[in-house]
Amino acid sequence: MSTYSIQTERLNLWYGDFQALINVSVDVVDGIITSLIGPSGCGKTTLLRSFNRVNERYGNVTTTGEIKVLGKNIYDPDVSLPELRKSVGMVFQRPNPLPISVYENVVFGLRVHSSRTSLKKSESDEIVEKSLREVFLWDDLKDKLKVRATTLQLEQQQKLCIARLLPLKPQVILMDEPCSALDAEATRAVEELMVSLVGRYTILIVTHNMAQARRVSKECIFMLLGEIMEHSRTKDLFITPQNPKTAEYIEGRYG
């Protein structure tokens, strides 16, 4: 029986007078990769950013309905946004490492969020190595830990951004088109990394690349004009879509 990391019930979201999400009810299965697909402007990035309440940074945002993350309604008054964003990490379209060393990037979040004033060097060394190993960067960067992270190759920068989340022990990782700035070889490397994280993390990825959705995700959600049109196993959605709009999209008739 499936358990769910994220559940929404009749979620609506407005930017000012524009309604970007319309009665979205969805259950995201724990420990797998789920892809969000659909044409530009369909609401998939807005939905993704709802799960750690990042949308609210932009102002003039109104929501109704419910979002449960790890069983807790994230709009409850006792919810701490820093704690929520520790549990629900985010990776953006373009790699955004901090302009500091590789080492300091990995431990940055832990130092910001930890109640402890400092980490022992042995502790932080262990955390850096473990996190970089988990994203397949340790062998490449173990002798470059003092190098400024912004000088790395784009693929390494994006992997480092994922590594930066791991010391905070997130249970959900949101990825907003994480390969859109990468070439084919780097895209393949990041996809392999995502697949390697299955089971340990719940991953939700927004992608325009339908081949990528087919390669990496177990379930797929198709959105159109702020609504969910279809949500099913990825292979079922692409081979036998139930909604005519889904079929039109994956056949390339629009979007």
Protein backbone atom coordinates (compact mmCIF):
# COMPACT_ATOMS: atom_id res chain seq x y z
CA MET A 1 0.00 0.00 0.00
CA SER A 2 1.41 3.40 -1.01
CA THR A 3 2.16 6.12 1.47
CA TYR A 4 2.25 9.75 0.44
CA SER A 5 4.82 12.45 1.09
CA ILE A 6 2.61 15.21 -0.32
CA GLN A 7 -1.18 15.47 -0.51
CA THR A 8 -3.23 18.40 -1.73
CA GLU A 9 -6.97 18.84 -1.44
CA ARG A 10 -8.77 21.38 -3.65
CA LEU A 11 -5.74 23.66 -3.77
CA ASN A 12 -6.32 27.02 -5.44
CA LEU A 13 -3.72 29.74 -5.88
CA TRP A 14 -3.97 33.26 -7.23
CA TYR A 15 -1.29 35.78 -8.20
CA GLY A 16 -3.33 38.92 -7.67
CA ASP A 17 -6.45 38.38 -9.79
CA PHE A 18 -4.93 35.60 -11.91
CA GLN A 19 -5.78 32.06 -10.81
CA ALA A 20 -2.74 29.87 -11.46
CA LEU A 21 -3.96 26.67 -9.74
CA ILE A 22 -7.54 25.40 -9.89
CA ASN A 23 -8.88 22.78 -7.47
CA VAL A 24 -5.69 20.72 -7.48
CA SER A 25 -6.03 17.47 -5.57
CA VAL A 26 -3.03 15.15 -5.85
CA ASP A 27 -1.17 12.51 -3.86
CA VAL A 28 2.60 12.21 -4.37
CA VAL A 29 3.90 8.75 -3.50
CA ASP A 30 6.73 8.48 -1.00
CA GLY A 31 10.21 7.47 -2.17
CA ILE A 32 9.76 7.67 -5.95
CA ILE A 33 10.33 10.22 -8.72
CA THR A 34 7.16 11.93 -9.93
CA SER A 35 7.30 14.20 -12.99
CA LEU A 36 5.14 17.27 -13.57
CA ILE A 37 4.67 17.93 -17.29
CA GLY A 38 2.61 20.32 -19.36
CA PRO A 39 2.95 23.37 -21.63
CA SER A 40 4.53 26.61 -20.44
CA GLY A 41 2.27 28.54 -18.11
CA CYS A 42 0.21 25.49 -17.11
CA GLY A 43 0.96 25.90 -13.39
CA LYS A 44 3.46 23.10 -12.82
CA THR A 45 6.21 25.32 -11.37
CA THR A 46 3.64 27.16 -9.25
CA LEU A 47 2.43 23.82 -7.89
CA LEU A 48 5.98 22.68 -7.21
CA ARG A 49 6.78 25.87 -5.32
CA SER A 50 3.61 25.56 -3.26
CA PHE A 51 5.00 22.54 -1.47
CA ASN A 52 7.59 24.59 0.43
CA ARG A 53 5.63 27.86 0.26
CA VAL A 54 8.27 29.60 -1.86
CA ASN A 55 5.52 31.25 -3.94
CA GLU A 56 4.69 33.45 -0.98
CA ARG A 57 8.02 35.24 -1.33
CA TYR A 58 6.66 36.99 -4.41
CA GLY A 59 3.82 38.79 -2.63
CA ASN A 60 0.19 39.20 -3.69
CA VAL A 61 -0.32 35.42 -3.48
CA THR A 62 -3.57 33.95 -2.15
CA THR A 63 -4.25 30.26 -1.55
CA THR A 64 -7.20 28.16 -0.47
CA GLY A 65 -7.40 24.44 0.15
CA GLU A 66 -4.94 22.19 1.88
CA ILE A 67 -1.41 20.92 1.37
CA LYS A 68 -0.11 18.16 3.61
CA VAL A 69 3.61 17.45 3.57
CA LEU A 70 4.66 14.39 5.56
CA GLY A 71 1.16 14.33 7.05
CA LYS A 72 1.18 17.95 8.30
CA ASN A 73 -0.88 20.79 6.82
CA ILE A 74 1.80 23.33 5.86
CA TYR A 75 -0.64 26.22 6.37
CA ASP A 76 -1.20 25.39 10.02
CA PRO A 77 -0.26 28.36 12.21
CA ASP A 78 2.39 26.40 14.09
CA VAL A 79 4.35 25.54 10.91
CA SER A 80 7.87 26.97 10.83
CA LEU A 81 8.91 27.92 7.28
CA PRO A 82 12.62 27.28 7.95
CA GLU A 83 11.77 23.81 9.26
CA LEU A 84 9.47 23.15 6.30
CA ARG A 85 12.22 24.12 3.86
CA LYS A 86 14.68 21.84 5.64
CA SER A 87 12.30 18.93 5.06
CA VAL A 88 11.44 20.02 1.51
CA GLY A 89 14.60 21.00 -0.36
CA MET A 90 14.62 22.71 -3.75
CA VAL A 91 16.85 22.63 -6.83
CA PHE A 92 16.34 25.35 -9.44
CA GLN A 93 16.63 25.56 -13.24
CA ARG A 94 20.07 27.10 -13.23
CA PRO A 95 22.67 25.90 -10.76
CA ASN A 96 22.97 28.46 -7.98
CA PRO A 97 25.99 27.54 -5.84
CA LEU A 98 27.09 30.24 -3.44
CA PRO A 99 30.25 32.15 -4.44
CA ILE A 100 32.23 30.45 -1.69
CA SER A 101 34.23 27.22 -1.54
CA VAL A 102 32.83 23.80 -2.39
CA TYR A 103 33.29 22.80 1.25
CA GLU A 104 31.44 25.83 2.61
CA ASN A 105 28.58 25.32 0.14
CA VAL A 106 27.92 21.84 1.49
CA VAL A 107 27.83 22.89 5.15
CA PHE A 108 26.18 26.28 4.58
CA GLY A 109 22.59 25.16 5.13
CA LEU A 110 23.50 23.18 8.20
CA ARG A 111 25.21 26.19 9.75
CA VAL A 112 22.26 28.45 8.96
CA HIS A 113 19.61 26.05 10.27
CA SER A 114 21.43 24.39 13.15
CA SER A 115 20.74 25.55 16.68
CA ARG A 116 24.35 24.78 17.50
CA THR A 117 26.77 27.66 17.21
CA SER A 118 29.46 25.61 15.51
CA LEU A 119 30.33 22.21 14.15
CA LYS A 120 33.53 20.40 14.99
CA LYS A 121 35.81 20.22 11.98
CA SER A 122 35.78 16.43 12.11
CA GLU A 123 31.97 16.52 11.96
CA SER A 124 31.82 18.93 9.05
CA ASP A 125 34.55 17.00 7.20
CA GLU A 126 32.49 13.85 7.52
CA ILE A 127 29.31 15.61 6.38
CA VAL A 128 31.03 17.10 3.32
CA GLU A 129 32.50 13.79 2.25
CA LYS A 130 29.23 11.89 2.77
CA SER A 131 27.19 14.46 0.86
CA LEU A 132 29.62 14.68 -2.05
CA ARG A 133 29.83 10.91 -2.27
CA GLU A 134 26.05 10.69 -2.41
CA VAL A 135 25.99 12.93 -5.51
CA PHE A 136 29.04 11.27 -7.14
CA LEU A 137 31.29 14.33 -6.72
CA TRP A 138 33.75 13.19 -4.05
CA ASP A 139 36.33 11.66 -6.37
CA ASP A 140 36.30 14.73 -8.62
CA LEU A 141 36.34 17.36 -5.89
CA LYS A 142 38.08 15.85 -2.85
CA ASP A 143 41.23 17.80 -3.77
CA LYS A 144 39.28 20.93 -4.74
CA LEU A 145 37.24 21.54 -1.61
CA LYS A 146 38.67 25.06 -1.24
CA VAL A 147 37.89 25.97 -4.86
CA ARG A 148 35.16 28.56 -5.40
CA ALA A 149 32.02 26.61 -6.33
CA THR A 150 31.03 29.01 -9.10
CA THR A 151 34.11 27.97 -11.10
CA LEU A 152 32.94 24.34 -11.43
CA GLN A 153 31.39 22.88 -14.57
CA LEU A 154 27.61 23.36 -14.75
CA GLU A 155 26.96 19.66 -14.15
CA GLN A 156 29.14 19.74 -11.04
CA GLN A 157 27.45 22.95 -9.87
CA GLN A 158 24.00 21.37 -10.13
CA LYS A 159 25.12 18.22 -8.33
CA LEU A 160 26.66 20.43 -5.64
CA CYS A 161 23.33 22.22 -5.21
CA ILE A 162 21.77 18.83 -4.52
CA ALA A 163 24.61 17.92 -2.16
CA ARG A 164 24.00 21.18 -0.29
CA LEU A 165 20.49 19.97 0.62
CA LEU A 166 21.48 16.57 1.98
CA PRO A 167 23.04 17.55 5.34
CA LEU A 168 19.65 19.00 6.30
CA LYS A 169 18.16 15.51 5.87
CA PRO A 170 15.25 16.50 3.62
CA GLN A 171 12.57 13.92 2.94
CA VAL A 172 11.32 15.62 -0.22
CA ILE A 173 13.42 17.19 -2.99
CA LEU A 174 11.72 19.51 -5.48
CA MET A 175 13.48 20.01 -8.83
CA ASP A 176 12.40 22.76 -11.20
CA GLU A 177 13.77 21.79 -14.62
CA PRO A 178 17.15 20.89 -13.10
CA CYS A 179 18.69 19.97 -16.46
CA SER A 180 17.47 22.88 -18.60
CA ALA A 181 20.86 24.63 -18.48
CA LEU A 182 22.87 21.44 -19.09
CA ASP A 183 24.11 19.71 -22.24
CA ALA A 184 23.12 16.14 -23.11
CA GLU A 185 26.04 14.50 -21.28
CA ALA A 186 25.54 16.55 -18.12
CA THR A 187 21.79 15.90 -18.28
CA ARG A 188 22.42 12.17 -18.36
CA ALA A 189 24.72 12.44 -15.35
CA VAL A 190 22.16 14.40 -13.31
CA GLU A 191 19.40 11.96 -14.30
CA GLU A 192 21.55 9.05 -13.12
CA LEU A 193 22.01 10.89 -9.83
CA MET A 194 18.26 11.40 -9.44
CA VAL A 195 17.59 7.70 -10.03
CA SER A 196 20.26 6.78 -7.47
CA LEU A 197 18.38 8.80 -4.83
CA VAL A 198 15.12 6.88 -5.29
CA GLY A 199 13.94 5.22 -2.10
CA ARG A 200 15.85 7.57 0.17
CA TYR A 201 14.05 10.71 -0.97
CA THR A 202 10.75 11.62 -2.59
CA ILE A 203 11.60 13.58 -5.73
CA LEU A 204 9.19 15.77 -7.66
CA ILE A 205 10.55 17.16 -10.90
CA VAL A 206 9.13 19.75 -13.29
CA THR A 207 10.33 19.06 -16.81
CA HIS A 208 9.52 20.17 -20.36
CA ASN A 209 11.51 17.18 -21.59
CA MET A 210 9.02 14.35 -22.01
CA ALA A 211 11.81 11.88 -22.82
CA GLN A 212 13.34 12.78 -19.46
CA ALA A 213 10.02 12.22 -17.69
CA ARG A 214 9.81 8.78 -19.27
CA ARG A 215 13.39 7.92 -18.34
CA VAL A 216 13.44 8.91 -14.69
CA SER A 217 9.94 9.01 -13.22
CA LYS A 218 7.68 6.25 -11.97
CA GLU A 219 4.59 8.46 -11.93
CA CYS A 220 3.68 11.45 -14.06
CA ILE A 221 1.24 14.34 -13.66
CA PHE A 222 0.00 16.24 -16.71
CA MET A 223 -1.22 19.79 -16.08
CA LEU A 224 -3.08 22.21 -18.33
CA LEU A 225 -4.28 25.74 -17.54
CA GLY A 226 -3.83 25.31 -13.80
CA GLU A 227 -5.61 21.98 -13.53
CA ILE A 228 -4.45 18.38 -13.30
CA MET A 229 -5.65 16.54 -16.38
CA GLU A 230 -4.12 13.16 -15.60
CA HIS A 231 -1.96 11.45 -12.99
CA SER A 232 -0.86 7.87 -13.45
CA ARG A 233 2.14 5.60 -13.80
CA THR A 234 4.48 7.19 -16.30
CA LYS A 235 4.41 4.28 -18.75
CA ASP A 236 0.60 4.23 -18.67
CA LEU A 237 0.31 7.98 -19.20
CA PHE A 238 2.56 7.89 -22.26
CA ILE A 239 1.31 4.63 -23.80
CA THR A 240 -2.40 4.70 -22.96
CA PRO A 241 -3.38 8.21 -21.81
CA GLN A 242 -6.94 8.40 -20.50
CA ASN A 243 -7.53 12.10 -21.22
CA PRO A 244 -7.64 13.31 -24.85
CA LYS A 245 -5.78 16.47 -23.82
CA THR A 246 -2.93 14.33 -22.49
CA ALA A 247 -2.76 12.44 -25.76
CA GLU A 248 -2.67 15.71 -27.73
CA TYR A 249 0.18 17.03 -25.61
CA ILE A 250 2.40 13.98 -25.68
CA GLU A 251 1.80 13.65 -29.43
CA GLY A 252 3.13 17.18 -29.84
CA ARG A 253 -0.07 18.79 -31.08
CA TYR A 254 0.41 21.76 -28.76
CA GLY A 255 2.63 23.04 -25.96
